C-alpha atoms as a PDB file:
ATOM      1  CA  MET A   1      16.781 -22.331   0.309  1.00  0.00           C
ATOM      2  CA  SER A   2      17.376 -20.756   3.767  1.00  0.00           C
ATOM      3  CA  ASP A   3      19.816 -21.411   6.492  1.00  0.00           C
ATOM      4  CA  THR A   4      18.301 -18.965   9.011  1.00  0.00           C
ATOM      5  CA  PRO A   5      20.562 -19.167  11.975  1.00  0.00           C
ATOM      6  CA  VAL A   6      18.449 -20.086  15.299  1.00  0.00           C
ATOM      7  CA  PRO A   7      17.893 -17.051  17.250  1.00  0.00           C
ATOM      8  CA  PRO A   8      20.492 -17.000  20.068  1.00  0.00           C
ATOM      9  CA  ASP A   9      17.810 -16.574  22.881  1.00  0.00           C
ATOM     10  CA  LEU A  10      16.178 -19.845  21.730  1.00  0.00           C
ATOM     11  CA  PRO A  11      17.157 -22.463  23.861  1.00  0.00           C
ATOM     12  CA  THR A  12      17.841 -25.914  22.026  1.00  0.00           C
ATOM     13  CA  PRO A  13      16.288 -28.534  22.197  1.00  0.00           C
ATOM     14  CA  LEU A  14      12.956 -27.104  21.760  1.00  0.00           C
ATOM     15  CA  VAL A  15      11.744 -28.673  24.749  1.00  0.00           C
ATOM     16  CA  ASP A  16      13.572 -26.377  27.114  1.00  0.00           C
ATOM     17  CA  ALA A  17      12.120 -23.221  25.458  1.00  0.00           C
ATOM     18  CA  THR A  18       8.928 -21.561  26.741  1.00  0.00           C
ATOM     19  CA  TRP A  19       5.836 -20.798  24.272  1.00  0.00           C
ATOM     20  CA  ALA A  20       7.007 -16.792  24.364  1.00  0.00           C
ATOM     21  CA  GLU A  21      10.552 -17.788  23.160  1.00  0.00           C
ATOM     22  CA  VAL A  22       9.164 -19.945  20.435  1.00  0.00           C
ATOM     23  CA  ASP A  23       6.837 -17.459  19.062  1.00  0.00           C
ATOM     24  CA  ALA A  24       9.539 -14.733  18.984  1.00  0.00           C
ATOM     25  CA  GLY A  25      11.924 -17.127  17.186  1.00  0.00           C
ATOM     26  CA  ARG A  26       9.441 -19.192  14.998  1.00  0.00           C
ATOM     27  CA  PRO A  27      12.416 -21.690  14.366  1.00  0.00           C
ATOM     28  CA  GLY A  28      12.128 -24.685  11.770  1.00  0.00           C
ATOM     29  CA  LEU A  29      12.044 -27.984  13.487  1.00  0.00           C
ATOM     30  CA  ALA A  30      14.339 -31.089  13.292  1.00  0.00           C
ATOM     31  CA  VAL A  31      12.208 -34.132  14.526  1.00  0.00           C
ATOM     32  CA  PRO A  32      14.068 -37.376  15.196  1.00  0.00           C
ATOM     33  CA  VAL A  33      11.915 -40.445  14.163  1.00  0.00           C
ATOM     34  CA  GLY A  34      13.091 -43.645  15.650  1.00  0.00           C
ATOM     35  CA  SER A  35      11.877 -47.060  16.947  1.00  0.00           C
ATOM     36  CA  VAL A  36      11.695 -49.272  19.847  1.00  0.00           C
ATOM     37  CA  GLU A  37      13.194 -52.555  18.527  1.00  0.00           C
ATOM     38  CA  GLN A  38      15.929 -55.040  19.237  1.00  0.00           C
ATOM     39  CA  HIS A  39      19.320 -54.377  18.402  1.00  0.00           C
ATOM     40  CA  GLY A  40      20.992 -57.606  19.196  1.00  0.00           C
ATOM     41  CA  PRO A  41      22.096 -58.647  22.659  1.00  0.00           C
ATOM     42  CA  HIS A  42      24.371 -55.693  22.723  1.00  0.00           C
ATOM     43  CA  LEU A  43      22.649 -52.391  21.852  1.00  0.00           C
ATOM     44  CA  PRO A  44      19.379 -50.986  23.441  1.00  0.00           C
ATOM     45  CA  LEU A  45      16.113 -50.935  22.122  1.00  0.00           C
ATOM     46  CA  ASP A  46      16.044 -47.223  21.323  1.00  0.00           C
ATOM     47  CA  THR A  47      19.407 -47.065  19.350  1.00  0.00           C
ATOM     48  CA  ASP A  48      17.620 -45.898  16.267  1.00  0.00           C
ATOM     49  CA  SER A  49      16.171 -42.765  18.229  1.00  0.00           C
ATOM     50  CA  ARG A  50      19.348 -42.254  19.932  1.00  0.00           C
ATOM     51  CA  ILE A  51      21.429 -41.818  16.529  1.00  0.00           C
ATOM     52  CA  ALA A  52      18.709 -39.480  15.075  1.00  0.00           C
ATOM     53  CA  THR A  53      18.257 -37.497  17.993  1.00  0.00           C
ATOM     54  CA  ALA A  54      22.019 -36.886  17.811  1.00  0.00           C
ATOM     55  CA  VAL A  55      22.064 -36.034  14.073  1.00  0.00           C
ATOM     56  CA  ALA A  56      18.977 -33.799  14.402  1.00  0.00           C
ATOM     57  CA  GLY A  57      20.803 -31.546  17.357  1.00  0.00           C
ATOM     58  CA  ARG A  58      23.508 -30.743  14.921  1.00  0.00           C
ATOM     59  CA  LEU A  59      21.603 -29.195  11.952  1.00  0.00           C
ATOM     60  CA  PRO A  60      21.925 -25.774  10.729  1.00  0.00           C
ATOM     61  CA  GLY A  61      19.098 -23.605  11.239  1.00  0.00           C
ATOM     62  CA  LEU A  62      16.829 -26.134  13.028  1.00  0.00           C
ATOM     63  CA  VAL A  63      15.788 -26.648  16.574  1.00  0.00           C
ATOM     64  CA  ALA A  64      15.835 -30.145  17.727  1.00  0.00           C
ATOM     65  CA  ALA A  65      12.251 -31.368  18.930  1.00  0.00           C
ATOM     66  CA  PRO A  66      11.414 -34.471  20.737  1.00  0.00           C
ATOM     67  CA  ALA A  67      11.650 -37.757  19.151  1.00  0.00           C
ATOM     68  CA  ILE A  68       8.887 -39.867  17.957  1.00  0.00           C
ATOM     69  CA  ALA A  69      10.196 -42.748  19.451  1.00  0.00           C
ATOM     70  CA  TYR A  70       7.997 -45.694  18.046  1.00  0.00           C
ATOM     71  CA  GLY A  71       7.978 -46.463  14.481  1.00  0.00           C
ATOM     72  CA  ALA A  72       7.389 -49.292  11.734  1.00  0.00           C
ATOM     73  CA  SER A  73       9.204 -52.307  13.338  1.00  0.00           C
ATOM     74  CA  GLY A  74       7.118 -55.308  12.519  1.00  0.00           C
ATOM     75  CA  GLU A  75      10.044 -57.086  11.037  1.00  0.00           C
ATOM     76  CA  HIS A  76      11.483 -57.323  14.514  1.00  0.00           C
ATOM     77  CA  GLU A  77       8.438 -58.366  16.507  1.00  0.00           C
ATOM     78  CA  GLY A  78      10.167 -61.845  16.928  1.00  0.00           C
ATOM     79  CA  PHE A  79      12.252 -60.412  19.544  1.00  0.00           C
ATOM     80  CA  ALA A  80      11.087 -59.384  23.093  1.00  0.00           C
ATOM     81  CA  GLY A  81      11.020 -55.624  23.677  1.00  0.00           C
ATOM     82  CA  THR A  82      10.153 -54.486  20.194  1.00  0.00           C
ATOM     83  CA  VAL A  83       6.982 -52.236  19.909  1.00  0.00           C
ATOM     84  CA  SER A  84       5.865 -51.611  16.488  1.00  0.00           C
ATOM     85  CA  ILE A  85       3.034 -48.900  15.857  1.00  0.00           C
ATOM     86  CA  GLY A  86       3.097 -49.794  12.023  1.00  0.00           C
ATOM     87  CA  SER A  87       3.507 -47.778   8.664  1.00  0.00           C
ATOM     88  CA  GLU A  88      -0.213 -46.843   8.723  1.00  0.00           C
ATOM     89  CA  VAL A  89      -0.300 -45.185  12.192  1.00  0.00           C
ATOM     90  CA  LEU A  90       2.929 -44.011  12.003  1.00  0.00           C
ATOM     91  CA  ARG A  91       2.310 -42.050   8.701  1.00  0.00           C
ATOM     92  CA  SER A  92      -0.976 -40.664  10.369  1.00  0.00           C
ATOM     93  CA  VAL A  93       1.267 -39.461  13.261  1.00  0.00           C
ATOM     94  CA  ILE A  94       3.816 -37.817  10.620  1.00  0.00           C
ATOM     95  CA  VAL A  95       0.752 -35.880   8.809  1.00  0.00           C
ATOM     96  CA  GLU A  96      -0.716 -34.809  12.063  1.00  0.00           C
ATOM     97  CA  TYR A  97       2.581 -33.869  13.840  1.00  0.00           C
ATOM     98  CA  GLY A  98       3.308 -31.645  10.356  1.00  0.00           C
ATOM     99  CA  ARG A  99       0.004 -30.046  10.331  1.00  0.00           C
ATOM    100  CA  SER A 100       0.257 -29.041  13.717  1.00  0.00           C
ATOM    101  CA  ALA A 101       4.172 -27.789  13.791  1.00  0.00           C
ATOM    102  CA  CYS A 102       3.470 -25.802  10.769  1.00  0.00           C
ATOM    103  CA  ARG A 103       1.197 -23.698  12.345  1.00  0.00           C
ATOM    104  CA  TRP A 104       3.865 -21.771  13.617  1.00  0.00           C
ATOM    105  CA  SER A 105       7.024 -23.348  12.421  1.00  0.00           C
ATOM    106  CA  PRO A 106       8.221 -22.348   8.692  1.00  0.00           C
ATOM    107  CA  ARG A 107       9.608 -25.984   8.133  1.00  0.00           C
ATOM    108  CA  VAL A 108       9.762 -29.313   9.590  1.00  0.00           C
ATOM    109  CA  LEU A 109      12.181 -31.786   8.661  1.00  0.00           C
ATOM    110  CA  PHE A 110      11.668 -35.466   9.895  1.00  0.00           C
ATOM    111  CA  VAL A 111      15.293 -36.863  10.753  1.00  0.00           C
ATOM    112  CA  ASN A 112      14.853 -40.971  10.255  1.00  0.00           C
ATOM    113  CA  GLY A 113      16.761 -43.375  12.156  1.00  0.00           C
ATOM    114  CA  HIS A 114      14.866 -46.445  11.265  1.00  0.00           C
ATOM    115  CA  GLY A 115      15.033 -47.828   7.844  1.00  0.00           C
ATOM    116  CA  GLY A 116      11.379 -49.408   8.061  1.00  0.00           C
ATOM    117  CA  ASN A 117       9.804 -45.831   8.496  1.00  0.00           C
ATOM    118  CA  GLY A 118      10.952 -44.543   5.188  1.00  0.00           C
ATOM    119  CA  PRO A 119       7.577 -45.495   3.169  1.00  0.00           C
ATOM    120  CA  ALA A 120       5.288 -44.176   5.773  1.00  0.00           C
ATOM    121  CA  LEU A 121       7.676 -40.902   6.098  1.00  0.00           C
ATOM    122  CA  ALA A 122       7.703 -40.574   2.017  1.00  0.00           C
ATOM    123  CA  GLU A 123       3.891 -40.855   1.794  1.00  0.00           C
ATOM    124  CA  ALA A 124       3.145 -38.574   4.857  1.00  0.00           C
ATOM    125  CA  VAL A 125       5.607 -35.790   3.586  1.00  0.00           C
ATOM    126  CA  ALA A 126       4.444 -35.897   0.289  1.00  0.00           C
ATOM    127  CA  LEU A 127       0.915 -35.156   1.632  1.00  0.00           C
ATOM    128  CA  LEU A 128       2.325 -32.561   3.741  1.00  0.00           C
ATOM    129  CA  ARG A 129       4.194 -30.817   1.020  1.00  0.00           C
ATOM    130  CA  TYR A 130       0.929 -31.282  -1.681  1.00  0.00           C
ATOM    131  CA  GLU A 131      -0.955 -29.179   1.301  1.00  0.00           C
ATOM    132  CA  GLY A 132       1.429 -26.586   0.959  1.00  0.00           C
ATOM    133  CA  ARG A 133       3.322 -27.203   3.901  1.00  0.00           C
ATOM    134  CA  ASP A 134       7.386 -26.858   3.909  1.00  0.00           C
ATOM    135  CA  ALA A 135       7.992 -30.409   4.963  1.00  0.00           C
ATOM    136  CA  ALA A 136      10.913 -32.843   4.178  1.00  0.00           C
ATOM    137  CA  TRP A 137      12.711 -35.795   5.876  1.00  0.00           C
ATOM    138  CA  LEU A 138      16.062 -37.358   5.462  1.00  0.00           C
ATOM    139  CA  PRO A 139      17.618 -40.850   6.533  1.00  0.00           C
ATOM    140  CA  CYS A 140      20.569 -41.423   9.036  1.00  0.00           C
ATOM    141  CA  ALA A 141      22.055 -43.552   6.092  1.00  0.00           C
ATOM    142  CA  VAL A 142      25.764 -44.828   6.047  1.00  0.00           C
ATOM    143  CA  PRO A 143      26.948 -45.684   2.724  1.00  0.00           C
ATOM    144  CA  GLY A 144      28.443 -49.201   2.749  1.00  0.00           C
ATOM    145  CA  GLY A 145      27.414 -49.976   6.285  1.00  0.00           C
ATOM    146  CA  ASP A 146      26.043 -53.266   7.608  1.00  0.00           C
ATOM    147  CA  ALA A 147      22.180 -53.846   7.988  1.00  0.00           C
ATOM    148  CA  HIS A 148      21.267 -54.038  11.773  1.00  0.00           C
ATOM    149  CA  ALA A 149      23.190 -53.974  14.913  1.00  0.00           C
ATOM    150  CA  GLY A 150      26.393 -55.017  13.260  1.00  0.00           C
ATOM    151  CA  ARG A 151      29.699 -52.992  13.011  1.00  0.00           C
ATOM    152  CA  THR A 152      28.113 -49.681  11.983  1.00  0.00           C
ATOM    153  CA  GLU A 153      25.510 -49.283  14.629  1.00  0.00           C
ATOM    154  CA  THR A 154      27.663 -50.464  17.236  1.00  0.00           C
ATOM    155  CA  SER A 155      30.264 -48.052  16.409  1.00  0.00           C
ATOM    156  CA  LEU A 156      28.162 -45.188  16.471  1.00  0.00           C
ATOM    157  CA  LEU A 157      26.639 -46.026  19.888  1.00  0.00           C
ATOM    158  CA  LEU A 158      30.075 -46.452  21.276  1.00  0.00           C
ATOM    159  CA  HIS A 159      30.753 -42.981  20.321  1.00  0.00           C
ATOM    160  CA  LEU A 160      27.370 -41.686  21.158  1.00  0.00           C
ATOM    161  CA  SER A 161      26.467 -43.839  24.373  1.00  0.00           C
ATOM    162  CA  PRO A 162      29.208 -45.926  25.384  1.00  0.00           C
ATOM    163  CA  GLY A 163      28.096 -46.799  29.019  1.00  0.00           C
ATOM    164  CA  ASP A 164      24.968 -48.277  27.194  1.00  0.00           C
ATOM    165  CA  VAL A 165      26.732 -50.931  24.856  1.00  0.00           C
ATOM    166  CA  ARG A 166      26.965 -54.537  26.421  1.00  0.00           C
ATOM    167  CA  SER A 167      30.489 -55.032  24.928  1.00  0.00           C
ATOM    168  CA  ASP A 168      30.811 -58.422  26.727  1.00  0.00           C
ATOM    169  CA  ARG A 169      27.864 -59.445  24.431  1.00  0.00           C
ATOM    170  CA  LEU A 170      29.003 -58.875  21.104  1.00  0.00           C
ATOM    171  CA  GLU A 171      28.566 -61.534  18.767  1.00  0.00           C
ATOM    172  CA  SER A 172      28.384 -61.929  15.134  1.00  0.00           C
ATOM    173  CA  GLY A 173      25.133 -62.611  13.176  1.00  0.00           C
ATOM    174  CA  ASN A 174      23.997 -63.247  10.026  1.00  0.00           C
ATOM    175  CA  ILE A 175      26.505 -61.683   7.620  1.00  0.00           C
ATOM    176  CA  ARG A 176      24.902 -62.444   4.067  1.00  0.00           C
ATOM    177  CA  PRO A 177      24.307 -59.465   1.942  1.00  0.00           C
ATOM    178  CA  ILE A 178      20.754 -57.816   2.770  1.00  0.00           C
ATOM    179  CA  SER A 179      19.872 -58.286  -0.843  1.00  0.00           C
ATOM    180  CA  GLU A 180      20.037 -62.198  -0.316  1.00  0.00           C
ATOM    181  CA  LEU A 181      18.016 -61.935   2.898  1.00  0.00           C
ATOM    182  CA  MET A 182      15.245 -59.837   1.568  1.00  0.00           C
ATOM    183  CA  PRO A 183      12.771 -62.705   0.567  1.00  0.00           C
ATOM    184  CA  GLU A 184      13.072 -64.544   3.694  1.00  0.00           C
ATOM    185  CA  LEU A 185      12.923 -61.057   5.852  1.00  0.00           C
ATOM    186  CA  ARG A 186       9.781 -60.119   4.153  1.00  0.00           C
ATOM    187  CA  SER A 187       8.174 -63.478   4.778  1.00  0.00           C
ATOM    188  CA  GLY A 188       9.491 -64.385   8.282  1.00  0.00           C
ATOM    189  CA  GLY A 189      10.988 -61.069   9.927  1.00  0.00           C
ATOM    190  CA  VAL A 190      14.781 -60.873  11.214  1.00  0.00           C
ATOM    191  CA  ALA A 191      14.154 -63.779  13.577  1.00  0.00           C
ATOM    192  CA  SER A 192      13.921 -66.060  10.483  1.00  0.00           C
ATOM    193  CA  VAL A 193      17.488 -65.234   9.208  1.00  0.00           C
ATOM    194  CA  SER A 194      19.083 -64.296  12.435  1.00  0.00           C
ATOM    195  CA  ALA A 195      18.804 -65.896  15.980  1.00  0.00           C
ATOM    196  CA  ASN A 196      20.340 -63.078  17.902  1.00  0.00           C
ATOM    197  CA  GLY A 197      18.912 -60.198  15.912  1.00  0.00           C
ATOM    198  CA  VAL A 198      22.172 -59.273  14.381  1.00  0.00           C
ATOM    199  CA  LEU A 199      22.694 -58.693  10.650  1.00  0.00           C
ATOM    200  CA  GLY A 200      26.264 -58.111  10.635  1.00  0.00           C
ATOM    201  CA  ASP A 201      29.521 -58.456  12.923  1.00  0.00           C
ATOM    202  CA  PRO A 202      29.868 -55.749  15.411  1.00  0.00           C
ATOM    203  CA  ARG A 203      32.838 -57.414  16.999  1.00  0.00           C
ATOM    204  CA  GLY A 204      35.404 -54.950  15.262  1.00  0.00           C
ATOM    205  CA  ALA A 205      33.260 -51.761  16.162  1.00  0.00           C
ATOM    206  CA  SER A 206      34.945 -49.003  18.112  1.00  0.00           C
ATOM    207  CA  ALA A 207      34.238 -45.567  19.315  1.00  0.00           C
ATOM    208  CA  GLU A 208      36.862 -43.881  17.073  1.00  0.00           C
ATOM    209  CA  GLU A 209      35.339 -45.414  13.998  1.00  0.00           C
ATOM    210  CA  GLY A 210      31.662 -44.306  15.110  1.00  0.00           C
ATOM    211  CA  ALA A 211      33.100 -41.070  15.767  1.00  0.00           C
ATOM    212  CA  ARG A 212      33.948 -40.806  11.955  1.00  0.00           C
ATOM    213  CA  VAL A 213      30.898 -42.250  10.887  1.00  0.00           C
ATOM    214  CA  PHE A 214      28.875 -39.859  13.109  1.00  0.00           C
ATOM    215  CA  GLU A 215      30.701 -36.653  11.789  1.00  0.00           C
ATOM    216  CA  GLN A 216      30.062 -37.878   8.161  1.00  0.00           C
ATOM    217  CA  MET A 217      26.546 -38.295   8.758  1.00  0.00           C
ATOM    218  CA  CYS A 218      26.104 -34.952  10.057  1.00  0.00           C
ATOM    219  CA  THR A 219      28.186 -33.137   7.512  1.00  0.00           C
ATOM    220  CA  ARG A 220      25.656 -35.061   4.750  1.00  0.00           C
ATOM    221  CA  ALA A 221      22.756 -34.031   6.620  1.00  0.00           C
ATOM    222  CA  ALA A 222      23.724 -30.677   7.278  1.00  0.00           C
ATOM    223  CA  ASP A 223      24.711 -30.026   3.385  1.00  0.00           C
ATOM    224  CA  ALA A 224      21.204 -31.302   2.533  1.00  0.00           C
ATOM    225  CA  VAL A 225      19.719 -29.091   5.072  1.00  0.00           C
ATOM    226  CA  ARG A 226      21.312 -25.923   3.441  1.00  0.00           C
ATOM    227  CA  ARG A 227      20.210 -27.079  -0.165  1.00  0.00           C
ATOM    228  CA  TRP A 228      16.985 -27.772   0.910  1.00  0.00           C
ATOM    229  CA  ASP A 229      15.890 -29.643  -2.306  1.00  0.00           C
ATOM    230  CA  PRO A 230      13.368 -32.259  -1.350  1.00  0.00           C
ATOM    231  CA  ASP A 231      12.743 -34.994  -4.222  1.00  0.00           C
ATOM    232  CA  GLY A 232       9.439 -36.493  -5.242  1.00  0.00           C
ATOM    233  CA  ARG A 233       9.098 -38.220  -2.036  1.00  0.00           C
ATOM    234  CA  GLY A 234       9.944 -35.346   0.093  1.00  0.00           C
ATOM    235  CA  MET A 235      13.435 -36.731   0.952  1.00  0.00           C
ATOM    236  CA  LEU A 236      16.174 -33.984   1.086  1.00  0.00           C
ATOM    237  CA  ARG A 237      18.834 -34.574  -1.700  1.00  0.00           C
END
């Protein structure tokens, strides 16, 4: 375990640093992994990347890297704007990213903002760890939150990017439990169960709730980073 602080002369995020500053500091990296996918009629396509980037910037002892902005979002391809690179390609990207970054960084943490990226991340990080690299990942999960573009994500965006939430377009989607929807989701994607792409009801969202949820998310993630105890799939516990 390590909670080595970022050297005070090393800029955050990573892209603001020079190679010489990085070479002198040799920081661990927090790499957001997001998606470009529909988030209902009211949230931007990069919602997952925004959340993951915000969490990555709050993690102790790690410098935030630019996001891997595309993910495995095939379930959302029934909606315009969604661009998915699929699990196989995402897995390859994560593996090659980790191999390259670990030539100079002591550890790499992938901060996942989209649930559909999970299988690819688990496989890729497991391989990186098998190869002897200190890689791990963690999800930006909200216990008890709704599934997609509902109250939880809308509250988070009202806190993080309030000017980009189309508050005049808030409308409920399918509010059935995700466990009931999974068979239809697997066969027909989100469009088969929700005409507007929303799984949940965003109409009760607020920036205040988003601030609370975000702080809780960051606290859980920071605690996991301090423990640095990856499970068998490379996910921090």
